[in-house]
Amino acid sequence: MSRISGFNSPLLLGFDHFERILDRVSKTSAEGYPPYNIEQIGENGLRITLAVAGFSMDDLQVTTEDNQLVVRGRHDQAQEADRVFLHRGIAARQFQRSFVLAEGIEVRGASLDNGLLHIDLRRRVPEPEVRTIQIQGGAGQKKGGPKAPLIDVD
């Protein structure tokens, strides 16, 4: 089954990059662990909160790679070796969760509090830039086009 793209319009030139990003997002959203929230903090702030109960700061790694925020969790296997579980209901598996960052989003910091990993993001609002585009005429035409002759009125 082929997917119909919303970016096929001739008015949307150069948006194939966004289409690839949306494809990546839809593939990574199928992962279910760890669960997370995304909330807006202020006018230009975002916070991603991941439920990482059982992971310490040493078990977690937060990186950015090519406009992606990547969160990895891995338990120290040496600590797990000497423990005997009668029932294991708390997930202890390693994970990797990726979030695609839009242009202009920067990671401000991360903190771990009561089993929740908070990652704070900020959207940089660029100053609007006004640019004048020079109009070039065809062969034999000067800037401003042909001028009308001056008429002397007495």
N, C-alpha and C. Protein backbone atom coordinates (compact mmCIF):
# COMPACT_ATOMS: atom_id res chain seq x y z
N MET A 1 0.85 -1.17 0.00
CA MET A 1 0.00 0.00 0.00
C MET A 1 0.90 1.24 0.00
N SER A 2 0.70 2.10 -0.96
CA SER A 2 1.52 3.31 -1.04
C SER A 2 0.82 4.44 -0.29
N ARG A 3 1.62 5.31 0.25
CA ARG A 3 1.12 6.43 1.04
C ARG A 3 1.05 7.66 0.14
N ILE A 4 -0.04 8.39 0.24
CA ILE A 4 -0.18 9.63 -0.51
C ILE A 4 0.47 10.74 0.28
N SER A 5 1.36 11.46 -0.36
CA SER A 5 2.09 12.52 0.33
C SER A 5 1.32 13.82 0.26
N GLY A 6 1.34 14.56 1.36
CA GLY A 6 0.73 15.88 1.38
C GLY A 6 1.66 16.94 0.84
N PHE A 7 2.90 16.55 0.49
CA PHE A 7 3.90 17.50 0.03
C PHE A 7 4.11 17.42 -1.48
N ASN A 8 3.17 16.84 -2.23
CA ASN A 8 3.32 16.69 -3.67
C ASN A 8 2.88 17.92 -4.45
N SER A 9 2.34 18.90 -3.78
CA SER A 9 1.86 20.10 -4.46
C SER A 9 3.03 20.88 -5.05
N PRO A 10 2.88 21.44 -6.25
CA PRO A 10 3.95 22.25 -6.82
C PRO A 10 4.20 23.53 -6.03
N LEU A 11 3.29 23.89 -5.14
CA LEU A 11 3.48 25.08 -4.31
C LEU A 11 4.36 24.81 -3.10
N LEU A 12 4.67 23.56 -2.83
CA LEU A 12 5.47 23.17 -1.67
C LEU A 12 6.82 22.62 -2.12
N LEU A 13 7.60 23.44 -2.76
CA LEU A 13 8.91 23.02 -3.24
C LEU A 13 9.90 22.95 -2.08
N GLY A 14 10.68 21.90 -2.03
CA GLY A 14 11.73 21.77 -1.03
C GLY A 14 11.27 21.23 0.31
N PHE A 15 10.07 20.69 0.39
CA PHE A 15 9.57 20.16 1.66
C PHE A 15 9.76 18.66 1.78
N ASP A 16 10.51 18.05 0.87
CA ASP A 16 10.74 16.60 0.95
C ASP A 16 11.50 16.23 2.22
N HIS A 17 12.32 17.17 2.72
CA HIS A 17 13.04 16.94 3.98
C HIS A 17 12.05 16.75 5.13
N PHE A 18 11.00 17.57 5.18
CA PHE A 18 9.99 17.44 6.23
C PHE A 18 9.24 16.12 6.10
N GLU A 19 9.02 15.67 4.87
CA GLU A 19 8.33 14.40 4.66
C GLU A 19 9.17 13.24 5.22
N ARG A 20 10.48 13.30 5.02
CA ARG A 20 11.36 12.26 5.57
C ARG A 20 11.35 12.30 7.10
N ILE A 21 11.32 13.50 7.68
CA ILE A 21 11.27 13.62 9.14
C ILE A 21 9.97 13.03 9.67
N LEU A 22 8.85 13.32 9.01
CA LEU A 22 7.57 12.77 9.45
C LEU A 22 7.56 11.25 9.37
N ASP A 23 8.20 10.69 8.35
CA ASP A 23 8.31 9.24 8.25
C ASP A 23 9.09 8.67 9.42
N ARG A 24 10.20 9.34 9.78
CA ARG A 24 11.01 8.86 10.91
C ARG A 24 10.23 8.96 12.21
N VAL A 25 9.47 10.03 12.38
CA VAL A 25 8.69 10.21 13.61
C VAL A 25 7.64 9.11 13.71
N SER A 26 6.97 8.79 12.63
CA SER A 26 5.93 7.77 12.68
C SER A 26 6.52 6.40 12.98
N LYS A 27 7.74 6.14 12.54
CA LYS A 27 8.37 4.86 12.84
C LYS A 27 8.79 4.77 14.29
N THR A 28 9.32 5.86 14.87
CA THR A 28 9.78 5.82 16.25
C THR A 28 8.62 5.91 17.24
N SER A 29 7.46 6.40 16.83
CA SER A 29 6.36 6.52 17.77
C SER A 29 5.74 5.17 18.10
N ALA A 30 6.07 4.13 17.35
CA ALA A 30 5.54 2.81 17.63
C ALA A 30 6.17 2.21 18.88
N GLU A 31 7.33 2.70 19.30
CA GLU A 31 7.98 2.22 20.51
C GLU A 31 7.15 2.66 21.71
N GLY A 32 7.07 1.79 22.73
CA GLY A 32 6.24 2.15 23.86
C GLY A 32 6.99 2.37 25.15
N TYR A 33 8.29 2.16 25.17
CA TYR A 33 9.03 2.25 26.43
C TYR A 33 10.22 3.16 26.27
N PRO A 34 10.47 4.02 27.18
CA PRO A 34 9.65 4.39 28.33
C PRO A 34 8.55 5.36 27.93
N PRO A 35 7.47 5.39 28.70
CA PRO A 35 6.41 6.36 28.39
C PRO A 35 6.91 7.78 28.65
N TYR A 36 6.33 8.74 27.93
CA TYR A 36 6.79 10.12 28.06
C TYR A 36 5.65 11.10 27.88
N ASN A 37 5.87 12.31 28.35
CA ASN A 37 4.97 13.45 28.15
C ASN A 37 5.76 14.56 27.49
N ILE A 38 5.08 15.37 26.71
CA ILE A 38 5.67 16.59 26.16
C ILE A 38 4.72 17.72 26.56
N GLU A 39 5.27 18.72 27.23
CA GLU A 39 4.43 19.83 27.68
C GLU A 39 5.09 21.15 27.32
N GLN A 40 4.25 22.16 27.18
CA GLN A 40 4.75 23.50 26.89
C GLN A 40 4.99 24.22 28.20
N ILE A 41 6.20 24.79 28.31
CA ILE A 41 6.59 25.54 29.50
C ILE A 41 6.85 26.97 29.03
N GLY A 42 5.97 27.87 29.31
CA GLY A 42 6.13 29.24 28.87
C GLY A 42 5.86 29.40 27.39
N GLU A 43 6.21 30.57 26.88
CA GLU A 43 5.92 30.89 25.48
C GLU A 43 6.82 30.14 24.50
N ASN A 44 8.11 30.00 24.82
CA ASN A 44 9.05 29.36 23.91
C ASN A 44 9.71 28.13 24.51
N GLY A 45 9.17 27.58 25.59
CA GLY A 45 9.80 26.45 26.25
C GLY A 45 8.98 25.18 26.12
N LEU A 46 9.69 24.06 26.05
CA LEU A 46 9.08 22.74 26.02
C LEU A 46 9.78 21.88 27.07
N ARG A 47 9.08 20.88 27.56
CA ARG A 47 9.68 19.91 28.48
C ARG A 47 9.23 18.52 28.07
N ILE A 48 10.20 17.65 27.90
CA ILE A 48 9.93 16.23 27.66
C ILE A 48 10.20 15.53 28.99
N THR A 49 9.24 14.75 29.47
CA THR A 49 9.40 14.01 30.71
C THR A 49 9.25 12.53 30.41
N LEU A 50 10.28 11.75 30.74
CA LEU A 50 10.27 10.31 30.53
C LEU A 50 10.20 9.60 31.88
N ALA A 51 9.38 8.56 31.97
CA ALA A 51 9.28 7.77 33.19
C ALA A 51 10.36 6.70 33.15
N VAL A 52 11.42 6.91 33.93
CA VAL A 52 12.58 6.01 33.91
C VAL A 52 12.85 5.44 35.31
N ALA A 53 11.79 4.95 35.95
CA ALA A 53 11.93 4.40 37.30
C ALA A 53 12.95 3.27 37.29
N GLY A 54 13.81 3.29 38.29
CA GLY A 54 14.82 2.25 38.42
C GLY A 54 16.14 2.57 37.76
N PHE A 55 16.21 3.66 37.00
CA PHE A 55 17.44 4.08 36.35
C PHE A 55 18.08 5.22 37.15
N SER A 56 19.37 5.15 37.35
CA SER A 56 20.08 6.24 38.02
C SER A 56 20.66 7.18 36.97
N MET A 57 21.25 8.27 37.42
CA MET A 57 21.86 9.22 36.47
C MET A 57 22.98 8.56 35.67
N ASP A 58 23.71 7.64 36.30
CA ASP A 58 24.80 6.95 35.60
C ASP A 58 24.29 6.00 34.54
N ASP A 59 23.03 5.54 34.65
CA ASP A 59 22.46 4.61 33.68
C ASP A 59 21.88 5.32 32.47
N LEU A 60 21.74 6.64 32.52
CA LEU A 60 21.07 7.40 31.46
C LEU A 60 22.05 8.25 30.68
N GLN A 61 21.75 8.44 29.40
CA GLN A 61 22.57 9.29 28.53
C GLN A 61 21.63 10.07 27.62
N VAL A 62 21.82 11.38 27.56
CA VAL A 62 21.02 12.26 26.69
C VAL A 62 21.97 12.93 25.72
N THR A 63 21.73 12.75 24.41
CA THR A 63 22.59 13.34 23.38
C THR A 63 21.73 13.93 22.27
N THR A 64 22.33 14.80 21.47
CA THR A 64 21.69 15.28 20.25
C THR A 64 22.55 14.83 19.09
N GLU A 65 21.90 14.30 18.06
CA GLU A 65 22.57 13.81 16.87
C GLU A 65 21.73 14.20 15.65
N ASP A 66 22.26 15.08 14.82
CA ASP A 66 21.58 15.46 13.57
C ASP A 66 20.12 15.84 13.78
N ASN A 67 19.87 16.86 14.58
CA ASN A 67 18.51 17.34 14.88
C ASN A 67 17.63 16.29 15.53
N GLN A 68 18.24 15.32 16.20
CA GLN A 68 17.49 14.35 16.97
C GLN A 68 17.98 14.37 18.41
N LEU A 69 17.04 14.34 19.32
CA LEU A 69 17.35 14.19 20.73
C LEU A 69 17.25 12.70 21.01
N VAL A 70 18.32 12.10 21.51
CA VAL A 70 18.35 10.66 21.76
C VAL A 70 18.58 10.43 23.25
N VAL A 71 17.69 9.65 23.86
CA VAL A 71 17.80 9.30 25.27
C VAL A 71 18.03 7.79 25.34
N ARG A 72 19.12 7.40 26.01
CA ARG A 72 19.45 5.99 26.14
C ARG A 72 19.51 5.62 27.62
N GLY A 73 19.03 4.44 27.94
CA GLY A 73 19.11 3.93 29.30
C GLY A 73 19.65 2.52 29.29
N ARG A 74 20.61 2.28 30.17
CA ARG A 74 21.22 0.94 30.25
C ARG A 74 21.64 0.70 31.70
N HIS A 75 21.15 -0.40 32.28
CA HIS A 75 21.52 -0.76 33.65
C HIS A 75 22.90 -1.37 33.68
N ASP A 76 23.58 -1.16 34.80
CA ASP A 76 24.88 -1.78 35.03
C ASP A 76 24.64 -3.26 35.33
N GLN A 77 25.12 -4.13 34.45
CA GLN A 77 24.88 -5.56 34.59
C GLN A 77 25.56 -6.16 35.82
N ALA A 78 26.64 -5.55 36.30
CA ALA A 78 27.35 -6.07 37.47
C ALA A 78 26.48 -5.98 38.73
N GLN A 79 25.69 -4.94 38.85
CA GLN A 79 24.80 -4.79 40.01
C GLN A 79 23.64 -5.78 39.96
N GLU A 80 23.19 -6.12 38.76
CA GLU A 80 22.06 -7.02 38.60
C GLU A 80 22.45 -8.48 38.82
N ALA A 81 23.71 -8.83 38.66
CA ALA A 81 24.14 -10.22 38.70
C ALA A 81 23.96 -10.85 40.08
N ASP A 82 24.15 -10.09 41.16
CA ASP A 82 24.09 -10.66 42.50
C ASP A 82 22.70 -10.56 43.14
N ARG A 83 21.69 -10.15 42.36
CA ARG A 83 20.33 -10.03 42.89
C ARG A 83 19.48 -11.20 42.39
N VAL A 84 18.64 -11.73 43.27
CA VAL A 84 17.74 -12.82 42.91
C VAL A 84 16.31 -12.28 43.02
N PHE A 85 15.59 -12.28 41.91
CA PHE A 85 14.22 -11.77 41.88
C PHE A 85 13.24 -12.93 41.95
N LEU A 86 12.24 -12.83 42.82
CA LEU A 86 11.15 -13.80 42.86
C LEU A 86 10.06 -13.37 41.88
N HIS A 87 9.91 -12.06 41.71
CA HIS A 87 9.02 -11.49 40.68
C HIS A 87 9.67 -10.21 40.18
N ARG A 88 9.69 -10.05 38.88
CA ARG A 88 10.30 -8.85 38.30
C ARG A 88 9.25 -8.13 37.46
N GLY A 89 8.65 -7.09 38.02
CA GLY A 89 7.62 -6.34 37.32
C GLY A 89 8.09 -4.98 36.86
N ILE A 90 9.21 -4.50 37.41
CA ILE A 90 9.77 -3.22 37.00
C ILE A 90 10.70 -3.48 35.83
N ALA A 91 10.43 -2.81 34.73
CA ALA A 91 11.24 -3.03 33.52
C ALA A 91 12.68 -2.61 33.78
N ALA A 92 13.60 -3.48 33.44
CA ALA A 92 15.01 -3.19 33.63
C ALA A 92 15.75 -3.29 32.31
N ARG A 93 15.02 -3.33 31.23
CA ARG A 93 15.66 -3.47 29.92
C ARG A 93 16.26 -2.14 29.48
N GLN A 94 17.23 -2.24 28.61
CA GLN A 94 17.80 -1.02 28.06
C GLN A 94 16.84 -0.44 27.04
N PHE A 95 16.96 0.85 26.80
CA PHE A 95 16.07 1.49 25.85
C PHE A 95 16.80 2.60 25.13
N GLN A 96 16.21 2.99 24.03
CA GLN A 96 16.64 4.18 23.29
C GLN A 96 15.38 4.84 22.76
N ARG A 97 15.21 6.11 23.08
CA ARG A 97 14.05 6.87 22.61
C ARG A 97 14.56 8.09 21.87
N SER A 98 14.05 8.33 20.67
CA SER A 98 14.50 9.46 19.84
C SER A 98 13.35 10.42 19.61
N PHE A 99 13.69 11.70 19.60
CA PHE A 99 12.75 12.77 19.30
C PHE A 99 13.37 13.65 18.23
N VAL A 100 12.65 13.92 17.18
CA VAL A 100 13.13 14.80 16.12
C VAL A 100 12.91 16.24 16.56
N LEU A 101 13.98 17.02 16.53
CA LEU A 101 13.90 18.42 16.93
C LEU A 101 13.74 19.30 15.70
N ALA A 102 12.82 20.23 15.76
CA ALA A 102 12.64 21.17 14.67
C ALA A 102 13.81 22.14 14.64
N GLU A 103 13.98 22.79 13.52
CA GLU A 103 15.04 23.80 13.39
C GLU A 103 14.82 24.90 14.41
N GLY A 104 15.87 25.28 15.11
CA GLY A 104 15.77 26.35 16.10
C GLY A 104 15.46 25.89 17.51
N ILE A 105 15.30 24.57 17.73
CA ILE A 105 15.06 24.04 19.08
C ILE A 105 16.41 23.66 19.68
N GLU A 106 16.66 24.14 20.89
CA GLU A 106 17.92 23.78 21.55
C GLU A 106 17.62 23.17 22.91
N VAL A 107 18.47 22.23 23.32
CA VAL A 107 18.32 21.56 24.61
C VAL A 107 18.95 22.44 25.68
N ARG A 108 18.18 22.80 26.69
CA ARG A 108 18.66 23.67 27.77
C ARG A 108 19.25 22.89 28.92
N GLY A 109 18.76 21.67 29.16
CA GLY A 109 19.28 20.89 30.27
C GLY A 109 18.40 19.69 30.56
N ALA A 110 18.88 18.82 31.46
CA ALA A 110 18.14 17.63 31.85
C ALA A 110 18.31 17.42 33.35
N SER A 111 17.26 16.89 33.98
CA SER A 111 17.33 16.59 35.41
C SER A 111 16.54 15.32 35.69
N LEU A 112 16.98 14.59 36.72
CA LEU A 112 16.32 13.36 37.13
C LEU A 112 15.73 13.59 38.52
N ASP A 113 14.41 13.37 38.65
CA ASP A 113 13.73 13.65 39.91
C ASP A 113 12.64 12.60 40.13
N ASN A 114 12.77 11.79 41.18
CA ASN A 114 11.77 10.79 41.55
C ASN A 114 11.39 9.85 40.40
N GLY A 115 12.38 9.38 39.67
CA GLY A 115 12.13 8.44 38.58
C GLY A 115 11.65 9.07 37.29
N LEU A 116 11.64 10.40 37.21
CA LEU A 116 11.23 11.11 36.00
C LEU A 116 12.42 11.89 35.46
N LEU A 117 12.73 11.68 34.20
CA LEU A 117 13.79 12.43 33.54
C LEU A 117 13.15 13.60 32.80
N HIS A 118 13.51 14.82 33.20
CA HIS A 118 12.97 16.02 32.58
C HIS A 118 14.04 16.61 31.65
N ILE A 119 13.67 16.84 30.40
CA ILE A 119 14.57 17.47 29.43
C ILE A 119 13.92 18.76 28.98
N ASP A 120 14.58 19.87 29.27
CA ASP A 120 14.03 21.18 28.94
C ASP A 120 14.58 21.66 27.60
N LEU A 121 13.67 22.13 26.75
CA LEU A 121 14.01 22.62 25.42
C LEU A 121 13.54 24.06 25.31
N ARG A 122 14.19 24.79 24.41
CA ARG A 122 13.78 26.17 24.15
C ARG A 122 13.78 26.41 22.65
N ARG A 123 12.76 27.06 22.18
CA ARG A 123 12.68 27.43 20.77
C ARG A 123 13.24 28.83 20.61
N ARG A 124 14.31 28.93 19.82
CA ARG A 124 14.87 30.24 19.51
C ARG A 124 13.97 30.91 18.48
N VAL A 125 13.56 32.12 18.76
CA VAL A 125 12.73 32.86 17.82
C VAL A 125 13.66 33.79 17.05
N PRO A 126 13.88 33.49 15.76
CA PRO A 126 14.79 34.34 14.99
C PRO A 126 14.17 35.69 14.70
N GLU A 127 15.03 36.69 14.62
CA GLU A 127 14.56 38.02 14.25
C GLU A 127 14.14 37.98 12.78
N PRO A 128 13.01 38.59 12.46
CA PRO A 128 12.58 38.60 11.06
C PRO A 128 13.59 39.36 10.20
N GLU A 129 13.90 38.80 9.06
CA GLU A 129 14.88 39.40 8.16
C GLU A 129 14.18 39.81 6.87
N VAL A 130 14.28 41.08 6.53
CA VAL A 130 13.70 41.59 5.30
C VAL A 130 14.84 41.75 4.30
N ARG A 131 14.66 41.16 3.15
CA ARG A 131 15.70 41.19 2.13
C ARG A 131 15.10 41.70 0.83
N THR A 132 15.76 42.64 0.18
CA THR A 132 15.30 43.15 -1.11
C THR A 132 15.98 42.35 -2.21
N ILE A 133 15.18 41.88 -3.15
CA ILE A 133 15.69 41.09 -4.26
C ILE A 133 15.82 42.00 -5.47
N GLN A 134 17.02 42.06 -6.03
CA GLN A 134 17.29 42.87 -7.22
C GLN A 134 16.60 42.24 -8.43
N ILE A 135 15.89 43.05 -9.20
CA ILE A 135 15.20 42.58 -10.40
C ILE A 135 16.09 42.86 -11.59
N GLN A 136 16.39 41.82 -12.33
CA GLN A 136 17.22 41.94 -13.52
C GLN A 136 16.32 42.00 -14.74
N GLY A 137 16.64 42.92 -15.65
CA GLY A 137 15.88 43.03 -16.88
C GLY A 137 16.44 42.13 -17.95
N GLY A 138 15.69 41.97 -19.03
CA GLY A 138 16.16 41.19 -20.17
C GLY A 138 17.21 41.97 -20.94
N ALA A 139 17.69 41.42 -22.05
CA ALA A 139 18.72 42.06 -22.87
C ALA A 139 18.19 43.39 -23.40
N GLY A 140 19.00 44.41 -23.28
CA GLY A 140 18.65 45.73 -23.80
C GLY A 140 17.75 46.53 -22.88
N GLN A 141 17.39 45.98 -21.75
CA GLN A 141 16.53 46.71 -20.83
C GLN A 141 17.35 47.15 -19.63
N LYS A 142 17.26 48.41 -19.29
CA LYS A 142 17.98 48.93 -18.14
C LYS A 142 17.08 48.89 -16.93
N LYS A 143 17.70 49.00 -15.76
CA LYS A 143 16.94 49.02 -14.52
C LYS A 143 15.92 50.16 -14.56
N GLY A 144 14.71 49.86 -14.22
CA GLY A 144 13.66 50.86 -14.22
C GLY A 144 12.83 50.82 -15.49
N GLY A 145 13.28 50.10 -16.50
CA GLY A 145 12.51 49.98 -17.74
C GLY A 145 12.61 51.23 -18.59
N PRO A 146 11.90 51.24 -19.72
CA PRO A 146 11.94 52.41 -20.60
C PRO A 146 11.26 53.58 -19.95
N LYS A 147 11.87 54.75 -20.16
CA LYS A 147 11.32 55.97 -19.58
C LYS A 147 10.52 56.71 -20.64
N ALA A 148 9.45 57.37 -20.21
CA ALA A 148 8.64 58.18 -21.13
C ALA A 148 9.38 59.48 -21.40
N PRO A 149 9.28 60.01 -22.63
CA PRO A 149 9.97 61.28 -22.93
C PRO A 149 9.34 62.41 -22.14
N LEU A 150 10.18 63.36 -21.79
CA LEU A 150 9.68 64.52 -21.06
C LEU A 150 8.98 65.46 -22.02
N ILE A 151 7.86 66.01 -21.61
CA ILE A 151 7.11 66.93 -22.44
C ILE A 151 7.20 68.31 -21.78
N ASP A 152 7.63 69.28 -22.58
CA ASP A 152 7.75 70.64 -22.05
C ASP A 152 6.40 71.32 -22.21
N VAL A 153 5.85 71.74 -21.12
CA VAL A 153 4.55 72.41 -21.14
C VAL A 153 4.79 73.88 -20.89
N ASP A 154 4.31 74.73 -21.82
CA ASP A 154 4.48 76.20 -21.66
C ASP A 154 3.37 76.80 -20.89
